[in-house]
Amino acid sequence: MARLEVWLRELFGPEGEARGADSFDVLGEAIRRVAAAHARSQTRPFRDSILDEAQGRRLIASLSKSALNIADRCDAAMPKMLRRSRREVSAFRRRLARTWGLGLDRLDALYDAQMEIGSHFLESERRGESRPGPKLVALSRVHVRSCRVVAEICWLLRGGFADGAHARWRTLHELAVVALLLAQNDDELATRYLDHRAIQVLANARQLERHAEALNWEAPTEAEMATMVAERNRLVNLYGPAFESQYGWAAALLSKYRPTFADVEERARLAKWRPIFGWASHGVHGGAQGFVALGAIEDRSHLLLAGVSNRGLLEPAQNTIIAMEHLTAALMLAQPTAENLVLVTGFIELATRCRDAFVEAHDVVEARTAALRTESKTDTSVPPHESA
């Protein structure tokens, strides 16, 4: 083991290493590179052995002292810093509400309506003579989860985080696709969908088992693993080997051994959303396309958006509204009564008004941005989030 690693372990101790092993490894590599650069400036090769015991310990102790000083200064400045930043956030949100307030309020109201329709759906099922079947159980669970995602999107939009809201729409769209596919089919598909959770649980448990020691987490016991494996074997014997794939619950319906989400999306007749789904995925993954933010100004691509913005709220908002319509329609398909038809029709009217409010706000923002561009074509001093 290299000397630097020994000294770092002595400095942080076993608990510190386990608490942040990744940072520990990066810090060790950073120290090596700094020491190597210093050695090159002295025209000599770098080796850990160049540092004797006393020098190495002085280096680590100096780093520790500097880190404590920086942390102490930050702690001392924190109250004043937070007061300033919170004033700025409050001022920004007031400006955002002046432009987008009606749309955001209507989206909150639409969320409340979605919750009410879901509650009505569940209550009507409880009043039934028989227990709800797998299809209604699965749809109700998808709907409840979708309500939570919509609530998250509402908060992100009010905060000016358009890309974050669009990333959460990506999840909402997946739920809408699943809901429509379940609604269009029988209890058999819903049973497979609910049973497939055991496949996912085992896959996650195997990953945890592999990395538990490095994470300093408790690994599943042998008895727990055996139980999960037995359940997986039972389901694979029941449904076939294709059931073990990521969307194996839909394999028989789609006649594909390893169906993808795109296959499920196409069967639910929502394939046209594939490019928008891919666009939203850039905000989830670590690729370079994710640098392009919805809230940025197009002709200022050299400026990267690091925080909030008044721009870009239309796309995630209207996509969220449409996904909410899909999810509500799925409940209607599963329980097509006259009363539910009235509820869904009213929900769609509310959704239309909400979408119109966001379009009007978007037009206002774009007009202001165009005016700003005309007034100062070369000025790049105004941050993108102040453009509206």
Protein backbone atom coordinates (compact mmCIF):
# COMPACT_ATOMS: atom_id res chain seq x y z
CA MET A 1 0.00 0.00 0.00
CA ALA A 2 1.37 3.44 -0.94
CA ARG A 3 2.47 5.69 1.89
CA LEU A 4 -0.04 8.44 1.04
CA GLU A 5 -2.88 5.98 1.42
CA VAL A 6 -1.54 4.87 4.80
CA TRP A 7 -1.31 8.46 6.06
CA LEU A 8 -4.79 9.34 4.78
CA ARG A 9 -6.27 6.35 6.56
CA GLU A 10 -4.53 7.33 9.76
CA LEU A 11 -5.85 10.90 9.41
CA PHE A 12 -9.51 10.03 8.70
CA GLY A 13 -9.73 6.69 10.49
CA PRO A 14 -11.82 3.71 9.37
CA GLU A 15 -15.13 5.48 10.02
CA GLY A 16 -14.16 8.49 7.90
CA GLU A 17 -13.00 6.25 5.08
CA ALA A 18 -16.24 4.26 5.09
CA ARG A 19 -18.34 7.41 5.29
CA GLY A 20 -16.82 8.90 2.16
CA ALA A 21 -14.68 6.31 0.45
CA ASP A 22 -15.10 7.91 -2.98
CA SER A 23 -13.93 11.31 -1.72
CA PHE A 24 -11.13 9.56 0.16
CA ASP A 25 -9.84 7.94 -3.04
CA VAL A 26 -10.12 11.18 -5.02
CA LEU A 27 -8.29 13.13 -2.31
CA GLY A 28 -5.45 10.64 -2.33
CA GLU A 29 -5.15 10.90 -6.11
CA ALA A 30 -5.25 14.71 -5.95
CA ILE A 31 -2.41 14.75 -3.40
CA ARG A 32 -0.37 12.47 -5.64
CA ARG A 33 -0.85 14.78 -8.61
CA VAL A 34 0.09 17.88 -6.64
CA ALA A 35 3.20 16.15 -5.32
CA ALA A 36 4.05 14.89 -8.82
CA ALA A 37 3.72 18.40 -10.27
CA HIS A 38 6.01 19.70 -7.55
CA ALA A 39 8.53 16.93 -8.31
CA ARG A 40 8.45 17.81 -12.02
CA SER A 41 9.17 21.44 -11.19
CA GLN A 42 12.24 20.17 -9.37
CA THR A 43 13.19 18.09 -12.46
CA ARG A 44 12.97 14.78 -10.64
CA PRO A 45 10.54 11.85 -10.83
CA PHE A 46 7.78 11.51 -8.25
CA ARG A 47 7.38 8.47 -6.04
CA ASP A 48 5.50 8.10 -2.78
CA SER A 49 8.77 6.98 -1.27
CA ILE A 50 10.29 10.43 -1.94
CA LEU A 51 8.22 11.71 0.99
CA ASP A 52 9.69 10.49 4.23
CA GLU A 53 7.48 9.72 7.22
CA ALA A 54 7.78 13.17 8.80
CA GLN A 55 7.16 15.04 5.54
CA GLY A 56 4.10 12.97 4.73
CA ARG A 57 2.53 13.47 8.12
CA ARG A 58 3.22 17.24 7.99
CA LEU A 59 1.54 17.39 4.55
CA ILE A 60 -1.59 15.60 5.74
CA ALA A 61 -1.75 17.62 8.98
CA SER A 62 -1.44 20.87 7.01
CA LEU A 63 -4.28 19.84 4.72
CA SER A 64 -6.43 18.96 7.70
CA LYS A 65 -5.77 22.31 9.38
CA SER A 66 -6.56 24.24 6.19
CA ALA A 67 -9.79 22.30 5.70
CA LEU A 68 -10.89 23.10 9.27
CA ASN A 69 -10.11 26.80 8.79
CA ILE A 70 -12.13 26.96 5.57
CA ALA A 71 -15.07 25.13 7.15
CA ASP A 72 -14.97 27.40 10.22
CA ARG A 73 -14.99 30.55 8.07
CA CYS A 74 -17.90 29.23 6.03
CA ASP A 75 -19.84 28.41 9.20
CA ALA A 76 -19.23 31.91 10.53
CA ALA A 77 -20.35 33.54 7.28
CA MET A 78 -23.32 31.22 6.77
CA PRO A 79 -26.09 33.27 8.48
CA LYS A 80 -25.33 36.44 6.50
CA MET A 81 -24.79 34.49 3.27
CA LEU A 82 -28.09 32.62 3.64
CA ARG A 83 -30.04 35.80 4.43
CA ARG A 84 -28.75 37.38 1.25
CA SER A 85 -29.37 34.34 -0.94
CA ARG A 86 -32.86 33.82 0.50
CA ARG A 87 -33.77 37.44 -0.20
CA GLU A 88 -32.64 36.91 -3.79
CA VAL A 89 -34.69 33.70 -4.09
CA SER A 90 -37.79 35.40 -2.69
CA ALA A 91 -37.41 38.33 -5.09
CA PHE A 92 -36.96 35.96 -8.01
CA ARG A 93 -40.06 33.97 -7.12
CA ARG A 94 -42.13 37.15 -6.89
CA ARG A 95 -40.98 38.14 -10.39
CA LEU A 96 -41.70 34.65 -11.70
CA ALA A 97 -45.19 34.68 -10.17
CA ARG A 98 -46.01 38.01 -11.83
CA THR A 99 -45.57 36.36 -15.22
CA TRP A 100 -46.39 32.68 -14.68
CA GLY A 101 -48.65 32.95 -11.64
CA LEU A 102 -51.97 32.17 -13.32
CA GLY A 103 -50.60 29.08 -15.06
CA LEU A 104 -48.93 27.85 -11.87
CA ASP A 105 -52.11 28.40 -9.87
CA ARG A 106 -54.17 26.54 -12.46
CA LEU A 107 -51.66 23.68 -12.40
CA ASP A 108 -51.99 23.47 -8.62
CA ALA A 109 -55.77 23.36 -9.03
CA LEU A 110 -55.45 20.67 -11.70
CA TYR A 111 -53.31 18.65 -9.30
CA ASP A 112 -56.04 18.96 -6.66
CA ALA A 113 -58.59 17.79 -9.24
CA GLN A 114 -56.39 14.81 -10.12
CA MET A 115 -56.23 13.90 -6.44
CA GLU A 116 -60.01 14.21 -6.12
CA ILE A 117 -60.66 12.02 -9.15
CA GLY A 118 -58.27 9.42 -7.82
CA SER A 119 -59.98 9.47 -4.44
CA HIS A 120 -63.39 9.15 -6.11
CA PHE A 121 -62.11 6.20 -8.13
CA LEU A 122 -60.80 4.43 -5.03
CA GLU A 123 -63.92 5.17 -3.00
CA SER A 124 -66.24 3.83 -5.69
CA GLU A 125 -64.18 0.63 -5.77
CA ARG A 126 -64.45 0.25 -2.00
CA ARG A 127 -68.24 0.53 -2.29
CA GLY A 128 -68.31 -2.36 -4.75
CA GLU A 129 -69.65 -5.77 -3.87
CA SER A 130 -66.34 -7.54 -4.54
CA ARG A 131 -62.73 -6.71 -3.86
CA PRO A 132 -60.92 -4.71 -6.58
CA GLY A 133 -59.13 -6.91 -9.09
CA PRO A 134 -55.44 -6.66 -10.03
CA LYS A 135 -56.15 -4.17 -12.82
CA LEU A 136 -57.83 -1.65 -10.55
CA VAL A 137 -55.23 -2.20 -7.82
CA ALA A 138 -52.38 -1.56 -10.26
CA LEU A 139 -54.06 1.50 -11.79
CA SER A 140 -54.78 3.03 -8.40
CA ARG A 141 -51.14 2.59 -7.33
CA VAL A 142 -49.87 4.14 -10.55
CA HIS A 143 -52.29 7.04 -10.13
CA VAL A 144 -51.25 7.69 -6.53
CA ARG A 145 -47.59 7.71 -7.51
CA SER A 146 -48.33 10.03 -10.43
CA CYS A 147 -49.97 12.52 -8.04
CA ARG A 148 -46.75 12.64 -6.02
CA VAL A 149 -44.70 13.29 -9.16
CA VAL A 150 -47.06 16.07 -10.27
CA ALA A 151 -46.66 17.72 -6.84
CA GLU A 152 -42.87 17.64 -7.30
CA ILE A 153 -43.19 19.20 -10.76
CA CYS A 154 -45.39 21.99 -9.39
CA TRP A 155 -42.74 22.88 -6.79
CA LEU A 156 -39.92 22.80 -9.35
CA LEU A 157 -41.82 25.07 -11.74
CA ARG A 158 -42.59 27.58 -8.98
CA GLY A 159 -38.91 27.56 -8.13
CA GLY A 160 -37.84 28.28 -11.71
CA PHE A 161 -36.28 24.87 -12.35
CA ALA A 162 -37.65 24.06 -15.81
CA ASP A 163 -35.16 21.28 -16.56
CA GLY A 164 -35.80 19.63 -13.20
CA ALA A 165 -39.54 19.75 -13.87
CA HIS A 166 -39.03 18.29 -17.34
CA ALA A 167 -36.92 15.48 -15.90
CA ARG A 168 -39.74 14.63 -13.49
CA TRP A 169 -42.21 14.80 -16.41
CA ARG A 170 -40.15 11.99 -17.91
CA THR A 171 -41.21 9.81 -14.97
CA LEU A 172 -44.80 11.04 -15.25
CA HIS A 173 -44.86 10.07 -18.91
CA GLU A 174 -43.63 6.58 -18.07
CA LEU A 175 -46.44 6.26 -15.52
CA ALA A 176 -48.97 7.48 -18.09
CA VAL A 177 -47.77 4.90 -20.61
CA VAL A 178 -48.03 2.11 -18.04
CA ALA A 179 -51.47 3.29 -16.91
CA LEU A 180 -52.88 3.37 -20.43
CA LEU A 181 -51.47 -0.05 -21.26
CA LEU A 182 -52.93 -1.52 -18.08
CA ALA A 183 -56.29 0.16 -18.72
CA GLN A 184 -56.46 -1.21 -22.27
CA ASN A 185 -55.85 -4.80 -21.19
CA ASP A 186 -57.15 -7.36 -18.70
CA ASP A 187 -56.27 -8.49 -15.17
CA GLU A 188 -53.62 -10.87 -16.48
CA LEU A 189 -51.35 -8.05 -17.58
CA ALA A 190 -51.93 -6.16 -14.33
CA THR A 191 -51.05 -9.27 -12.31
CA ARG A 192 -47.79 -9.61 -14.24
CA TYR A 193 -47.05 -5.92 -13.67
CA LEU A 194 -47.56 -6.20 -9.91
CA ASP A 195 -45.65 -9.49 -9.68
CA HIS A 196 -42.70 -8.02 -11.58
CA ARG A 197 -41.75 -6.02 -8.49
CA ALA A 198 -40.14 -9.20 -7.11
CA ILE A 199 -37.75 -9.27 -10.10
CA GLN A 200 -36.72 -5.67 -9.45
CA VAL A 201 -36.30 -6.27 -5.72
CA LEU A 202 -33.94 -9.19 -6.34
CA ALA A 203 -31.89 -7.23 -8.88
CA ASN A 204 -31.46 -4.37 -6.39
CA ALA A 205 -30.59 -6.81 -3.59
CA ARG A 206 -27.87 -8.42 -5.72
CA GLN A 207 -26.34 -5.02 -6.41
CA LEU A 208 -26.41 -4.16 -2.72
CA GLU A 209 -24.91 -7.54 -1.84
CA ARG A 210 -22.02 -6.82 -4.22
CA HIS A 211 -21.27 -3.32 -2.92
CA ALA A 212 -22.55 -3.31 0.68
CA GLU A 213 -19.09 -3.45 2.24
CA ALA A 214 -17.79 -0.50 0.18
CA LEU A 215 -20.92 1.49 1.05
CA ASN A 216 -20.73 0.50 4.72
CA TRP A 217 -24.33 -0.71 4.43
CA GLU A 218 -25.87 -3.88 5.76
CA ALA A 219 -26.06 -6.56 3.07
CA PRO A 220 -29.11 -8.82 2.71
CA THR A 221 -28.82 -11.99 4.76
CA GLU A 222 -28.50 -15.39 3.13
CA ALA A 223 -32.04 -16.21 4.25
CA GLU A 224 -33.39 -12.99 2.70
CA MET A 225 -31.56 -13.65 -0.56
CA ALA A 226 -32.82 -17.24 -0.63
CA THR A 227 -36.41 -16.03 -0.20
CA MET A 228 -36.06 -13.51 -3.01
CA VAL A 229 -34.42 -16.04 -5.34
CA ALA A 230 -37.17 -18.57 -4.63
CA GLU A 231 -39.85 -16.00 -5.51
CA ARG A 232 -37.98 -15.06 -8.69
CA ASN A 233 -37.75 -18.74 -9.69
CA ARG A 234 -41.46 -19.22 -9.04
CA LEU A 235 -42.39 -16.26 -11.25
CA VAL A 236 -40.03 -17.27 -14.07
CA ASN A 237 -41.47 -20.80 -14.00
CA LEU A 238 -44.97 -19.30 -14.09
CA TYR A 239 -44.49 -16.64 -16.77
CA GLY A 240 -41.42 -17.81 -18.68
CA PRO A 241 -37.79 -16.61 -18.85
CA ALA A 242 -38.73 -13.39 -20.67
CA PHE A 243 -40.41 -12.20 -17.47
CA GLU A 244 -36.99 -11.50 -15.93
CA SER A 245 -36.16 -8.63 -18.34
CA GLN A 246 -36.74 -4.98 -17.41
CA TYR A 247 -40.20 -4.84 -18.99
CA GLY A 248 -40.78 -8.58 -18.80
CA TRP A 249 -44.27 -8.04 -17.43
CA ALA A 250 -45.28 -6.91 -20.95
CA ALA A 251 -43.25 -9.55 -22.87
CA ALA A 252 -46.18 -11.90 -23.59
CA LEU A 253 -48.46 -9.04 -24.65
CA LEU A 254 -45.85 -7.62 -27.02
CA SER A 255 -44.54 -11.03 -28.16
CA LYS A 256 -40.98 -9.90 -27.46
CA TYR A 257 -38.36 -11.62 -25.35
CA ARG A 258 -36.81 -8.39 -24.10
CA PRO A 259 -39.28 -5.55 -24.66
CA THR A 260 -38.09 -1.99 -24.12
CA PHE A 261 -39.95 1.04 -22.88
CA ALA A 262 -40.20 2.21 -26.50
CA ASP A 263 -42.11 -1.01 -27.28
CA VAL A 264 -44.47 -0.42 -24.36
CA GLU A 265 -44.88 3.20 -25.40
CA GLU A 266 -45.78 2.23 -28.95
CA ARG A 267 -48.35 -0.33 -27.79
CA ALA A 268 -49.96 2.35 -25.59
CA ARG A 269 -50.19 4.54 -28.73
CA LEU A 270 -47.91 7.20 -27.28
CA ALA A 271 -44.88 6.61 -29.52
CA LYS A 272 -45.00 10.20 -30.83
CA TRP A 273 -43.65 11.31 -27.44
CA ARG A 274 -40.37 9.45 -28.00
CA PRO A 275 -38.33 12.52 -29.12
CA ILE A 276 -39.70 14.61 -26.22
CA PHE A 277 -38.89 11.77 -23.82
CA GLY A 278 -35.35 11.67 -25.21
CA TRP A 279 -35.06 15.43 -24.84
CA ALA A 280 -36.15 15.28 -21.20
CA SER A 281 -33.71 12.43 -20.59
CA HIS A 282 -30.76 14.78 -21.17
CA GLY A 283 -31.67 16.44 -17.87
CA VAL A 284 -31.47 13.08 -16.11
CA HIS A 285 -28.23 11.67 -17.50
CA GLY A 286 -24.69 13.01 -17.54
CA GLY A 287 -24.20 13.57 -21.28
CA ALA A 288 -22.96 16.82 -22.81
CA GLN A 289 -26.38 17.66 -24.28
CA GLY A 290 -27.57 18.20 -20.71
CA PHE A 291 -25.63 21.48 -20.65
CA VAL A 292 -28.35 23.01 -22.85
CA ALA A 293 -30.94 24.37 -20.40
CA LEU A 294 -34.57 25.17 -21.10
CA GLY A 295 -34.20 28.44 -19.19
CA ALA A 296 -31.20 29.72 -21.15
CA ILE A 297 -31.33 32.32 -23.90
CA GLU A 298 -30.71 30.81 -27.33
CA ASP A 299 -28.17 33.33 -28.64
CA ARG A 300 -26.19 33.24 -25.36
CA SER A 301 -25.15 29.61 -25.56
CA HIS A 302 -21.75 30.52 -24.13
CA LEU A 303 -23.47 31.21 -20.79
CA LEU A 304 -24.29 28.14 -18.71
CA LEU A 305 -27.37 28.27 -16.50
CA ALA A 306 -26.31 27.34 -12.96
CA GLY A 307 -29.53 28.13 -11.13
CA VAL A 308 -33.08 29.32 -11.65
CA SER A 309 -34.65 30.95 -14.68
CA ASN A 310 -37.90 32.70 -15.63
CA ARG A 311 -37.77 31.05 -19.03
CA GLY A 312 -38.55 27.56 -20.33
CA LEU A 313 -41.52 26.70 -18.13
CA LEU A 314 -43.95 26.11 -20.98
CA GLU A 315 -42.56 22.79 -22.23
CA PRO A 316 -42.50 20.91 -18.91
CA ALA A 317 -45.82 22.46 -17.86
CA GLN A 318 -47.79 21.57 -20.96
CA ASN A 319 -46.23 18.11 -21.17
CA THR A 320 -47.18 17.53 -17.53
CA ILE A 321 -50.77 18.62 -18.23
CA ILE A 322 -51.05 16.20 -21.15
CA ALA A 323 -49.63 13.34 -19.09
CA MET A 324 -52.19 14.12 -16.37
CA GLU A 325 -54.92 13.86 -19.01
CA HIS A 326 -53.55 10.46 -20.06
CA LEU A 327 -53.51 9.22 -16.48
CA THR A 328 -57.06 10.41 -15.83
CA ALA A 329 -58.25 8.85 -19.09
CA ALA A 330 -56.74 5.54 -17.97
CA LEU A 331 -58.97 5.55 -14.90
CA MET A 332 -61.95 6.30 -17.13
CA LEU A 333 -61.12 3.35 -19.40
CA ALA A 334 -60.96 1.05 -16.39
CA GLN A 335 -64.25 2.28 -14.95
CA PRO A 336 -66.39 3.76 -17.79
CA THR A 337 -69.45 5.10 -15.96
CA ALA A 338 -71.54 8.17 -16.81
CA GLU A 339 -70.41 9.89 -13.60
CA ASN A 340 -66.75 9.29 -14.39
CA LEU A 341 -67.24 10.53 -17.94
CA VAL A 342 -68.52 13.85 -16.56
CA LEU A 343 -65.55 14.09 -14.19
CA VAL A 344 -63.00 13.40 -16.89
CA THR A 345 -64.62 15.85 -19.31
CA GLY A 346 -64.47 18.56 -16.65
CA PHE A 347 -60.83 17.68 -15.93
CA ILE A 348 -59.92 18.07 -19.60
CA GLU A 349 -61.55 21.51 -19.69
CA LEU A 350 -59.52 22.57 -16.65
CA ALA A 351 -56.40 21.20 -18.33
CA THR A 352 -57.09 23.25 -21.46
CA ARG A 353 -57.44 26.45 -19.44
CA CYS A 354 -54.24 25.67 -17.57
CA ARG A 355 -52.33 25.06 -20.79
CA ASP A 356 -53.65 28.34 -22.29
CA ALA A 357 -52.42 30.27 -19.24
CA PHE A 358 -48.91 28.87 -19.66
CA VAL A 359 -48.90 29.68 -23.38
CA GLU A 360 -49.88 33.30 -22.64
CA ALA A 361 -47.11 33.61 -20.04
CA HIS A 362 -44.60 32.09 -22.44
CA ASP A 363 -45.52 34.64 -25.11
CA VAL A 364 -44.97 37.46 -22.61
CA VAL A 365 -41.55 36.12 -21.66
CA GLU A 366 -40.51 35.70 -25.28
CA ALA A 367 -41.62 39.25 -26.11
CA ARG A 368 -39.55 40.61 -23.22
CA THR A 369 -36.56 38.57 -24.29
CA ALA A 370 -36.87 39.88 -27.85
CA ALA A 371 -37.03 43.44 -26.53
CA LEU A 372 -33.96 42.86 -24.41
CA ARG A 373 -32.15 41.45 -27.42
CA THR A 374 -33.05 44.51 -29.48
CA GLU A 375 -31.95 46.98 -26.80
CA SER A 376 -28.56 45.38 -26.26
CA LYS A 377 -27.46 42.99 -28.98
CA THR A 378 -23.92 42.68 -27.70
CA ASP A 379 -24.40 43.04 -23.94
CA THR A 380 -23.85 39.71 -22.17
CA SER A 381 -23.82 41.08 -18.64
CA VAL A 382 -27.47 40.30 -17.89
CA PRO A 383 -27.88 36.78 -16.45
CA PRO A 384 -30.27 34.55 -18.42
CA HIS A 385 -32.69 34.19 -15.49
CA GLU A 386 -33.13 37.99 -15.36
CA SER A 387 -34.27 38.17 -18.97
CA ALA A 388 -37.95 37.90 -18.07
